[in-house]
Amino acid sequence: NLLHWQLGDSVAPGARTLQFSALSFDVSFQELFATWAAG
């Protein structure tokens, strides 16, 4: 559900995303998975 929303509303295909959140913080999953799912 999170990835579906992000890919439709906030992550451009092939975009570069800064991994700003610490990997120990749950928000990091939004940066990681959405970026990879968008290629």
PDB file of all heavy atoms in Angstrom:
ATOM      1  N   ASN A   1       0.831  -1.215   0.000  1.00  0.00           N
ATOM      2  CA  ASN A   1       0.000   0.000   0.000  1.00  0.00           C
ATOM      3  C   ASN A   1       0.861   1.258   0.000  1.00  0.00           C
ATOM      4  O   ASN A   1       0.582   2.217  -0.723  1.00  0.00           O
ATOM      5  CB  ASN A   1      -0.945   0.013   1.196  1.00  0.00           C
ATOM      6  CG  ASN A   1      -2.078  -0.965   1.051  1.00  0.00           C
ATOM      7  OD1 ASN A   1      -2.402  -1.408  -0.043  1.00  0.00           O
ATOM      8  ND2 ASN A   1      -2.680  -1.331   2.163  1.00  0.00           N
ATOM      9  N   LEU A   2       1.911   1.270   0.804  1.00  0.00           N
ATOM     10  CA  LEU A   2       2.809   2.419   0.853  1.00  0.00           C
ATOM     11  C   LEU A   2       3.468   2.642  -0.505  1.00  0.00           C
ATOM     12  O   LEU A   2       3.484   3.757  -1.027  1.00  0.00           O
ATOM     13  CB  LEU A   2       3.879   2.213   1.930  1.00  0.00           C
ATOM     14  CG  LEU A   2       4.996   3.255   1.973  1.00  0.00           C
ATOM     15  CD1 LEU A   2       4.444   4.613   2.376  1.00  0.00           C
ATOM     16  CD2 LEU A   2       6.103   2.810   2.907  1.00  0.00           C
ATOM     17  N   LEU A   3       3.997   1.572  -1.092  1.00  0.00           N
ATOM     18  CA  LEU A   3       4.673   1.702  -2.389  1.00  0.00           C
ATOM     19  C   LEU A   3       3.699   2.122  -3.483  1.00  0.00           C
ATOM     20  O   LEU A   3       4.035   2.956  -4.333  1.00  0.00           O
ATOM     21  CB  LEU A   3       5.355   0.389  -2.765  1.00  0.00           C
ATOM     22  CG  LEU A   3       6.549   0.013  -1.901  1.00  0.00           C
ATOM     23  CD1 LEU A   3       7.080  -1.347  -2.299  1.00  0.00           C
ATOM     24  CD2 LEU A   3       7.629   1.070  -1.971  1.00  0.00           C
ATOM     25  N   HIS A   4       2.515   1.580  -3.464  1.00  0.00           N
ATOM     26  CA  HIS A   4       1.504   1.954  -4.466  1.00  0.00           C
ATOM     27  C   HIS A   4       1.223   3.453  -4.394  1.00  0.00           C
ATOM     28  O   HIS A   4       1.178   4.147  -5.416  1.00  0.00           O
ATOM     29  CB  HIS A   4       0.231   1.150  -4.248  1.00  0.00           C
ATOM     30  CG  HIS A   4      -0.844   1.473  -5.213  1.00  0.00           C
ATOM     31  ND1 HIS A   4      -0.803   1.086  -6.540  1.00  0.00           N
ATOM     32  CD2 HIS A   4      -1.994   2.165  -5.070  1.00  0.00           C
ATOM     33  CE1 HIS A   4      -1.871   1.524  -7.157  1.00  0.00           C
ATOM     34  NE2 HIS A   4      -2.609   2.187  -6.284  1.00  0.00           N
ATOM     35  N   TRP A   5       1.039   3.967  -3.202  1.00  0.00           N
ATOM     36  CA  TRP A   5       0.779   5.399  -3.033  1.00  0.00           C
ATOM     37  C   TRP A   5       1.983   6.218  -3.492  1.00  0.00           C
ATOM     38  O   TRP A   5       1.849   7.182  -4.245  1.00  0.00           O
ATOM     39  CB  TRP A   5       0.457   5.718  -1.572  1.00  0.00           C
ATOM     40  CG  TRP A   5       0.399   7.201  -1.337  1.00  0.00           C
ATOM     41  CD1 TRP A   5      -0.615   8.044  -1.675  1.00  0.00           C
ATOM     42  CD2 TRP A   5       1.434   8.011  -0.771  1.00  0.00           C
ATOM     43  NE1 TRP A   5      -0.270   9.341  -1.335  1.00  0.00           N
ATOM     44  CE2 TRP A   5       0.970   9.343  -0.781  1.00  0.00           C
ATOM     45  CE3 TRP A   5       2.685   7.736  -0.253  1.00  0.00           C
ATOM     46  CZ2 TRP A   5       1.729  10.389  -0.283  1.00  0.00           C
ATOM     47  CZ3 TRP A   5       3.441   8.788   0.237  1.00  0.00           C
ATOM     48  CH2 TRP A   5       2.948  10.097   0.217  1.00  0.00           C
ATOM     49  N   GLN A   6       3.186   5.843  -3.043  1.00  0.00           N
ATOM     50  CA  GLN A   6       4.363   6.636  -3.386  1.00  0.00           C
ATOM     51  C   GLN A   6       4.649   6.625  -4.880  1.00  0.00           C
ATOM     52  O   GLN A   6       5.019   7.647  -5.442  1.00  0.00           O
ATOM     53  CB  GLN A   6       5.581   6.148  -2.613  1.00  0.00           C
ATOM     54  CG  GLN A   6       5.555   6.605  -1.173  1.00  0.00           C
ATOM     55  CD  GLN A   6       6.877   6.399  -0.499  1.00  0.00           C
ATOM     56  OE1 GLN A   6       7.316   5.272  -0.340  1.00  0.00           O
ATOM     57  NE2 GLN A   6       7.500   7.480  -0.092  1.00  0.00           N
ATOM     58  N   LEU A   7       4.504   5.481  -5.510  1.00  0.00           N
ATOM     59  CA  LEU A   7       4.782   5.406  -6.948  1.00  0.00           C
ATOM     60  C   LEU A   7       3.770   6.203  -7.750  1.00  0.00           C
ATOM     61  O   LEU A   7       4.082   6.720  -8.818  1.00  0.00           O
ATOM     62  CB  LEU A   7       4.821   3.952  -7.411  1.00  0.00           C
ATOM     63  CG  LEU A   7       5.988   3.139  -6.843  1.00  0.00           C
ATOM     64  CD1 LEU A   7       5.863   1.680  -7.248  1.00  0.00           C
ATOM     65  CD2 LEU A   7       7.315   3.712  -7.285  1.00  0.00           C
ATOM     66  N   GLY A   8       2.568   6.352  -7.234  1.00  0.00           N
ATOM     67  CA  GLY A   8       1.549   7.129  -7.932  1.00  0.00           C
ATOM     68  C   GLY A   8       1.614   8.613  -7.658  1.00  0.00           C
ATOM     69  O   GLY A   8       1.220   9.426  -8.497  1.00  0.00           O
ATOM     70  N   ASP A   9       2.150   8.991  -6.496  1.00  0.00           N
ATOM     71  CA  ASP A   9       2.060  10.385  -6.081  1.00  0.00           C
ATOM     72  C   ASP A   9       3.372  11.123  -5.835  1.00  0.00           C
ATOM     73  O   ASP A   9       3.387  12.344  -5.835  1.00  0.00           O
ATOM     74  CB  ASP A   9       1.235  10.497  -4.796  1.00  0.00           C
ATOM     75  CG  ASP A   9      -0.233  10.231  -5.019  1.00  0.00           C
ATOM     76  OD1 ASP A   9      -0.672  10.181  -6.181  1.00  0.00           O
ATOM     77  OD2 ASP A   9      -0.959  10.060  -4.029  1.00  0.00           O
ATOM     78  N   SER A  10       4.465  10.405  -5.610  1.00  0.00           N
ATOM     79  CA  SER A  10       5.631  11.174  -5.194  1.00  0.00           C
ATOM     80  C   SER A  10       6.981  10.699  -5.714  1.00  0.00           C
ATOM     81  O   SER A  10       7.968  11.385  -5.491  1.00  0.00           O
ATOM     82  CB  SER A  10       5.690  11.226  -3.658  1.00  0.00           C
ATOM     83  OG  SER A  10       5.847   9.939  -3.120  1.00  0.00           O
ATOM     84  N   VAL A  11       7.067   9.571  -6.376  1.00  0.00           N
ATOM     85  CA  VAL A  11       8.359   9.094  -6.857  1.00  0.00           C
ATOM     86  C   VAL A  11       8.314   8.977  -8.374  1.00  0.00           C
ATOM     87  O   VAL A  11       7.521   8.226  -8.920  1.00  0.00           O
ATOM     88  CB  VAL A  11       8.726   7.724  -6.234  1.00  0.00           C
ATOM     89  CG1 VAL A  11      10.046   7.229  -6.786  1.00  0.00           C
ATOM     90  CG2 VAL A  11       8.789   7.823  -4.717  1.00  0.00           C
ATOM     91  N   ALA A  12       9.168   9.736  -9.037  1.00  0.00           N
ATOM     92  CA  ALA A  12       9.223   9.691 -10.500  1.00  0.00           C
ATOM     93  C   ALA A  12      10.027   8.474 -10.942  1.00  0.00           C
ATOM     94  O   ALA A  12      11.026   8.125 -10.315  1.00  0.00           O
ATOM     95  CB  ALA A  12       9.877  10.965 -11.025  1.00  0.00           C
ATOM     96  N   PRO A  13       9.603   7.819 -12.011  1.00  0.00           N
ATOM     97  CA  PRO A  13      10.364   6.671 -12.516  1.00  0.00           C
ATOM     98  C   PRO A  13      11.812   7.046 -12.818  1.00  0.00           C
ATOM     99  O   PRO A  13      12.087   8.067 -13.432  1.00  0.00           O
ATOM    100  CB  PRO A  13       9.622   6.285 -13.798  1.00  0.00           C
ATOM    101  CG  PRO A  13       8.240   6.818 -13.604  1.00  0.00           C
ATOM    102  CD  PRO A  13       8.409   8.086 -12.799  1.00  0.00           C
ATOM    103  N   GLY A  14      12.734   6.242 -12.328  1.00  0.00           N
ATOM    104  CA  GLY A  14      14.148   6.467 -12.582  1.00  0.00           C
ATOM    105  C   GLY A  14      14.769   7.615 -11.811  1.00  0.00           C
ATOM    106  O   GLY A  14      15.905   7.993 -12.067  1.00  0.00           O
ATOM    107  N   ALA A  15      14.059   8.182 -10.866  1.00  0.00           N
ATOM    108  CA  ALA A  15      14.551   9.342 -10.125  1.00  0.00           C
ATOM    109  C   ALA A  15      15.697   8.974  -9.192  1.00  0.00           C
ATOM    110  O   ALA A  15      15.835   7.827  -8.789  1.00  0.00           O
ATOM    111  CB  ALA A  15      13.421   9.965  -9.316  1.00  0.00           C
ATOM    112  N   ARG A  16      16.471   9.959  -8.853  1.00  0.00           N
ATOM    113  CA  ARG A  16      17.494   9.809  -7.824  1.00  0.00           C
ATOM    114  C   ARG A  16      16.897  10.292  -6.514  1.00  0.00           C
ATOM    115  O   ARG A  16      16.331  11.372  -6.438  1.00  0.00           O
ATOM    116  CB  ARG A  16      18.719  10.648  -8.153  1.00  0.00           C
ATOM    117  CG  ARG A  16      19.538  10.072  -9.246  1.00  0.00           C
ATOM    118  CD  ARG A  16      20.827  10.834  -9.352  1.00  0.00           C
ATOM    119  NE  ARG A  16      21.719  10.100 -10.228  1.00  0.00           N
ATOM    120  CZ  ARG A  16      22.618  10.659 -10.980  1.00  0.00           C
ATOM    121  NH1 ARG A  16      22.770  11.966 -10.966  1.00  0.00           N
ATOM    122  NH2 ARG A  16      23.386   9.926 -11.745  1.00  0.00           N
ATOM    123  N   THR A  17      17.088   9.489  -5.479  1.00  0.00           N
ATOM    124  CA  THR A  17      16.556   9.820  -4.164  1.00  0.00           C
ATOM    125  C   THR A  17      17.686   9.830  -3.158  1.00  0.00           C
ATOM    126  O   THR A  17      18.518   8.932  -3.142  1.00  0.00           O
ATOM    127  CB  THR A  17      15.504   8.776  -3.724  1.00  0.00           C
ATOM    128  OG1 THR A  17      14.458   8.731  -4.679  1.00  0.00           O
ATOM    129  CG2 THR A  17      14.926   9.112  -2.363  1.00  0.00           C
ATOM    130  N   LEU A  18      17.707  10.840  -2.323  1.00  0.00           N
ATOM    131  CA  LEU A  18      18.691  10.902  -1.255  1.00  0.00           C
ATOM    132  C   LEU A  18      18.227  10.013  -0.114  1.00  0.00           C
ATOM    133  O   LEU A  18      17.106  10.147   0.368  1.00  0.00           O
ATOM    134  CB  LEU A  18      18.853  12.342  -0.759  1.00  0.00           C
ATOM    135  CG  LEU A  18      19.847  12.537   0.373  1.00  0.00           C
ATOM    136  CD1 LEU A  18      21.267  12.220  -0.094  1.00  0.00           C
ATOM    137  CD2 LEU A  18      19.760  13.950   0.915  1.00  0.00           C
ATOM    138  N   GLN A  19      19.075   9.092   0.323  1.00  0.00           N
ATOM    139  CA  GLN A  19      18.780   8.267   1.499  1.00  0.00           C
ATOM    140  C   GLN A  19      19.141   9.110   2.710  1.00  0.00           C
ATOM    141  O   GLN A  19      20.224   9.015   3.252  1.00  0.00           O
ATOM    142  CB  GLN A  19      19.580   6.968   1.450  1.00  0.00           C
ATOM    143  CG  GLN A  19      19.438   6.109   2.691  1.00  0.00           C
ATOM    144  CD  GLN A  19      18.017   5.697   2.965  1.00  0.00           C
ATOM    145  OE1 GLN A  19      17.307   5.303   2.053  1.00  0.00           O
ATOM    146  NE2 GLN A  19      17.580   5.814   4.194  1.00  0.00           N
ATOM    147  N   PHE A  20      18.208   9.987   3.108  1.00  0.00           N
ATOM    148  CA  PHE A  20      18.486  10.936   4.175  1.00  0.00           C
ATOM    149  C   PHE A  20      18.234  10.344   5.549  1.00  0.00           C
ATOM    150  O   PHE A  20      18.966  10.585   6.495  1.00  0.00           O
ATOM    151  CB  PHE A  20      17.653  12.212   3.993  1.00  0.00           C
ATOM    152  CG  PHE A  20      18.007  13.283   4.969  1.00  0.00           C
ATOM    153  CD1 PHE A  20      19.131  14.065   4.776  1.00  0.00           C
ATOM    154  CD2 PHE A  20      17.240  13.499   6.100  1.00  0.00           C
ATOM    155  CE1 PHE A  20      19.486  15.047   5.690  1.00  0.00           C
ATOM    156  CE2 PHE A  20      17.587  14.479   7.017  1.00  0.00           C
ATOM    157  CZ  PHE A  20      18.707  15.259   6.811  1.00  0.00           C
ATOM    158  N   SER A  21      17.182   9.571   5.679  1.00  0.00           N
ATOM    159  CA  SER A  21      16.837   8.993   6.979  1.00  0.00           C
ATOM    160  C   SER A  21      17.853   7.941   7.390  1.00  0.00           C
ATOM    161  O   SER A  21      18.346   7.186   6.558  1.00  0.00           O
ATOM    162  CB  SER A  21      15.464   8.329   6.918  1.00  0.00           C
ATOM    163  OG  SER A  21      14.477   9.269   6.608  1.00  0.00           O
ATOM    164  N   ALA A  22      18.123   7.883   8.664  1.00  0.00           N
ATOM    165  CA  ALA A  22      18.985   6.826   9.181  1.00  0.00           C
ATOM    166  C   ALA A  22      18.314   5.477   8.922  1.00  0.00           C
ATOM    167  O   ALA A  22      17.089   5.364   8.994  1.00  0.00           O
ATOM    168  CB  ALA A  22      19.206   7.020  10.676  1.00  0.00           C
ATOM    169  N   LEU A  23      19.096   4.469   8.611  1.00  0.00           N
ATOM    170  CA  LEU A  23      18.533   3.157   8.303  1.00  0.00           C
ATOM    171  C   LEU A  23      17.794   2.543   9.483  1.00  0.00           C
ATOM    172  O   LEU A  23      16.965   1.666   9.310  1.00  0.00           O
ATOM    173  CB  LEU A  23      19.634   2.213   7.815  1.00  0.00           C
ATOM    174  CG  LEU A  23      20.253   2.600   6.475  1.00  0.00           C
ATOM    175  CD1 LEU A  23      21.398   1.665   6.137  1.00  0.00           C
ATOM    176  CD2 LEU A  23      19.212   2.610   5.369  1.00  0.00           C
ATOM    177  N   SER A  24      18.057   3.032  10.685  1.00  0.00           N
ATOM    178  CA  SER A  24      17.354   2.532  11.861  1.00  0.00           C
ATOM    179  C   SER A  24      15.993   3.201  12.051  1.00  0.00           C
ATOM    180  O   SER A  24      15.247   2.831  12.954  1.00  0.00           O
ATOM    181  CB  SER A  24      18.207   2.740  13.110  1.00  0.00           C
ATOM    182  OG  SER A  24      18.472   4.123  13.293  1.00  0.00           O
ATOM    183  N   PHE A  25      15.659   4.167  11.222  1.00  0.00           N
ATOM    184  CA  PHE A  25      14.389   4.895  11.315  1.00  0.00           C
ATOM    185  C   PHE A  25      13.433   4.343  10.269  1.00  0.00           C
ATOM    186  O   PHE A  25      13.822   4.125   9.121  1.00  0.00           O
ATOM    187  CB  PHE A  25      14.657   6.387  11.082  1.00  0.00           C
ATOM    188  CG  PHE A  25      13.477   7.285  11.278  1.00  0.00           C
ATOM    189  CD1 PHE A  25      12.623   7.137  12.355  1.00  0.00           C
ATOM    190  CD2 PHE A  25      13.225   8.300  10.374  1.00  0.00           C
ATOM    191  CE1 PHE A  25      11.538   7.989  12.524  1.00  0.00           C
ATOM    192  CE2 PHE A  25      12.146   9.151  10.541  1.00  0.00           C
ATOM    193  CZ  PHE A  25      11.308   8.989  11.622  1.00  0.00           C
ATOM    194  N   ASP A  26      12.188   4.105  10.642  1.00  0.00           N
ATOM    195  CA  ASP A  26      11.252   3.435   9.728  1.00  0.00           C
ATOM    196  C   ASP A  26      10.992   4.209   8.440  1.00  0.00           C
ATOM    197  O   ASP A  26      10.667   3.613   7.413  1.00  0.00           O
ATOM    198  CB  ASP A  26       9.944   3.078  10.425  1.00  0.00           C
ATOM    199  CG  ASP A  26       9.148   4.283  10.897  1.00  0.00           C
ATOM    200  OD1 ASP A  26       9.705   5.398  10.953  1.00  0.00           O
ATOM    201  OD2 ASP A  26       7.967   4.105  11.219  1.00  0.00           O
ATOM    202  N   VAL A  27      11.175   5.508   8.439  1.00  0.00           N
ATOM    203  CA  VAL A  27      10.969   6.300   7.225  1.00  0.00           C
ATOM    204  C   VAL A  27      11.966   5.888   6.131  1.00  0.00           C
ATOM    205  O   VAL A  27      11.693   6.046   4.940  1.00  0.00           O
ATOM    206  CB  VAL A  27      11.078   7.812   7.537  1.00  0.00           C
ATOM    207  CG1 VAL A  27      11.061   8.653   6.280  1.00  0.00           C
ATOM    208  CG2 VAL A  27       9.931   8.219   8.462  1.00  0.00           C
ATOM    209  N   SER A  28      13.101   5.341   6.540  1.00  0.00           N
ATOM    210  CA  SER A  28      14.095   4.925   5.546  1.00  0.00           C
ATOM    211  C   SER A  28      13.511   3.905   4.574  1.00  0.00           C
ATOM    212  O   SER A  28      13.909   3.860   3.409  1.00  0.00           O
ATOM    213  CB  SER A  28      15.339   4.355   6.222  1.00  0.00           C
ATOM    214  OG  SER A  28      15.069   3.113   6.847  1.00  0.00           O
ATOM    215  N   PHE A  29      12.553   3.097   4.994  1.00  0.00           N
ATOM    216  CA  PHE A  29      11.948   2.114   4.103  1.00  0.00           C
ATOM    217  C   PHE A  29      11.217   2.799   2.953  1.00  0.00           C
ATOM    218  O   PHE A  29      11.181   2.288   1.839  1.00  0.00           O
ATOM    219  CB  PHE A  29      10.987   1.199   4.876  1.00  0.00           C
ATOM    220  CG  PHE A  29      11.712   0.152   5.664  1.00  0.00           C
ATOM    221  CD1 PHE A  29      12.348   0.472   6.852  1.00  0.00           C
ATOM    222  CD2 PHE A  29      11.791  -1.135   5.207  1.00  0.00           C
ATOM    223  CE1 PHE A  29      13.040  -0.486   7.572  1.00  0.00           C
ATOM    224  CE2 PHE A  29      12.478  -2.100   5.916  1.00  0.00           C
ATOM    225  CZ  PHE A  29      13.100  -1.774   7.103  1.00  0.00           C
ATOM    226  N   GLN A  30      10.634   3.963   3.224  1.00  0.00           N
ATOM    227  CA  GLN A  30       9.966   4.705   2.151  1.00  0.00           C
ATOM    228  C   GLN A  30      10.980   5.132   1.102  1.00  0.00           C
ATOM    229  O   GLN A  30      10.725   5.039  -0.088  1.00  0.00           O
ATOM    230  CB  GLN A  30       9.247   5.921   2.717  1.00  0.00           C
ATOM    231  CG  GLN A  30       8.098   5.570   3.623  1.00  0.00           C
ATOM    232  CD  GLN A  30       7.454   6.799   4.224  1.00  0.00           C
ATOM    233  OE1 GLN A  30       7.689   7.917   3.816  1.00  0.00           O
ATOM    234  NE2 GLN A  30       6.620   6.584   5.225  1.00  0.00           N
ATOM    235  N   GLU A  31      12.132   5.617   1.544  1.00  0.00           N
ATOM    236  CA  GLU A  31      13.158   6.056   0.606  1.00  0.00           C
ATOM    237  C   GLU A  31      13.748   4.867  -0.154  1.00  0.00           C
ATOM    238  O   GLU A  31      13.916   4.931  -1.375  1.00  0.00           O
ATOM    239  CB  GLU A  31      14.263   6.803   1.360  1.00  0.00           C
ATOM    240  CG  GLU A  31      13.768   8.079   2.000  1.00  0.00           C
ATOM    241  CD  GLU A  31      14.714   8.666   3.023  1.00  0.00           C
ATOM    242  OE1 GLU A  31      15.688   8.002   3.441  1.00  0.00           O
ATOM    243  OE2 GLU A  31      14.481   9.818   3.424  1.00  0.00           O
ATOM    244  N   LEU A  32      14.030   3.799   0.539  1.00  0.00           N
ATOM    245  CA  LEU A  32      14.653   2.624  -0.082  1.00  0.00           C
ATOM    246  C   LEU A  32      13.731   1.945  -1.088  1.00  0.00           C
ATOM    247  O   LEU A  32      14.034   1.876  -2.287  1.00  0.00           O
ATOM    248  CB  LEU A  32      15.024   1.591   0.993  1.00  0.00           C
ATOM    249  CG  LEU A  32      16.099   1.957   1.999  1.00  0.00           C
ATOM    250  CD1 LEU A  32      16.077   0.987   3.167  1.00  0.00           C
ATOM    251  CD2 LEU A  32      17.454   1.943   1.343  1.00  0.00           C
ATOM    252  N   PHE A  33      12.630   1.423  -0.614  1.00  0.00           N
ATOM    253  CA  PHE A  33      11.772   0.578  -1.441  1.00  0.00           C
ATOM    254  C   PHE A  33      11.089   1.341  -2.568  1.00  0.00           C
ATOM    255  O   PHE A  33      10.968   0.833  -3.680  1.00  0.00           O
ATOM    256  CB  PHE A  33      10.742  -0.163  -0.593  1.00  0.00           C
ATOM    257  CG  PHE A  33      11.334  -1.179   0.339  1.00  0.00           C
ATOM    258  CD1 PHE A  33      10.953  -1.244   1.656  1.00  0.00           C
ATOM    259  CD2 PHE A  33      12.292  -2.081  -0.115  1.00  0.00           C
ATOM    260  CE1 PHE A  33      11.494  -2.186   2.519  1.00  0.00           C
ATOM    261  CE2 PHE A  33      12.846  -3.028   0.731  1.00  0.00           C
ATOM    262  CZ  PHE A  33      12.443  -3.081   2.059  1.00  0.00           C
ATOM    263  N   ALA A  34      10.632   2.554  -2.314  1.00  0.00           N
ATOM    264  CA  ALA A  34       9.956   3.316  -3.370  1.00  0.00           C
ATOM    265  C   ALA A  34      10.936   3.672  -4.485  1.00  0.00           C
ATOM    266  O   ALA A  34      10.594   3.596  -5.663  1.00  0.00           O
ATOM    267  CB  ALA A  34       9.317   4.580  -2.795  1.00  0.00           C
ATOM    268  N   THR A  35      12.149   4.037  -4.127  1.00  0.00           N
ATOM    269  CA  THR A  35      13.154   4.368  -5.139  1.00  0.00           C
ATOM    270  C   THR A  35      13.472   3.149  -5.993  1.00  0.00           C
ATOM    271  O   THR A  35      13.479   3.219  -7.222  1.00  0.00           O
ATOM    272  CB  THR A  35      14.434   4.900  -4.472  1.00  0.00           C
ATOM    273  OG1 THR A  35      14.112   6.089  -3.748  1.00  0.00           O
ATOM    274  CG2 THR A  35      15.508   5.206  -5.503  1.00  0.00           C
ATOM    275  N   TRP A  36      13.729   2.037  -5.350  1.00  0.00           N
ATOM    276  CA  TRP A  36      14.051   0.813  -6.094  1.00  0.00           C
ATOM    277  C   TRP A  36      12.877   0.341  -6.942  1.00  0.00           C
ATOM    278  O   TRP A  36      13.066  -0.099  -8.080  1.00  0.00           O
ATOM    279  CB  TRP A  36      14.492  -0.290  -5.150  1.00  0.00           C
ATOM    280  CG  TRP A  36      15.806   0.009  -4.469  1.00  0.00           C
ATOM    281  CD1 TRP A  36      16.814   0.801  -4.935  1.00  0.00           C
ATOM    282  CD2 TRP A  36      16.232  -0.470  -3.208  1.00  0.00           C
ATOM    283  NE1 TRP A  36      17.850   0.835  -4.032  1.00  0.00           N
ATOM    284  CE2 TRP A  36      17.532   0.062  -2.962  1.00  0.00           C
ATOM    285  CE3 TRP A  36      15.670  -1.294  -2.242  1.00  0.00           C
ATOM    286  CZ2 TRP A  36      18.250  -0.219  -1.812  1.00  0.00           C
ATOM    287  CZ3 TRP A  36      16.394  -1.572  -1.097  1.00  0.00           C
ATOM    288  CH2 TRP A  36      17.665  -1.041  -0.890  1.00  0.00           C
ATOM    289  N   ALA A  37      11.661   0.417  -6.408  1.00  0.00           N
ATOM    290  CA  ALA A  37      10.478  -0.025  -7.159  1.00  0.00           C
ATOM    291  C   ALA A  37      10.251   0.834  -8.399  1.00  0.00           C
ATOM    292  O   ALA A  37       9.688   0.366  -9.389  1.00  0.00           O
ATOM    293  CB  ALA A  37       9.241  -0.001  -6.267  1.00  0.00           C
ATOM    294  N   ALA A  38      10.691   2.085  -8.360  1.00  0.00           N
ATOM    295  CA  ALA A  38      10.542   2.982  -9.506  1.00  0.00           C
ATOM    296  C   ALA A  38      11.731   2.886 -10.461  1.00  0.00           C
ATOM    297  O   ALA A  38      11.802   3.615 -11.445  1.00  0.00           O
ATOM    298  CB  ALA A  38      10.400   4.429  -9.022  1.00  0.00           C
ATOM    299  N   GLY A  39      12.675   1.992 -10.163  1.00  0.00           N
ATOM    300  CA  GLY A  39      13.851   1.853 -11.013  1.00  0.00           C
ATOM    301  C   GLY A  39      14.830   2.989 -10.828  1.00  0.00           C
ATOM    302  O   GLY A  39      15.627   3.284 -11.713  1.00  0.00           O
TER     303      GLY A  39
END
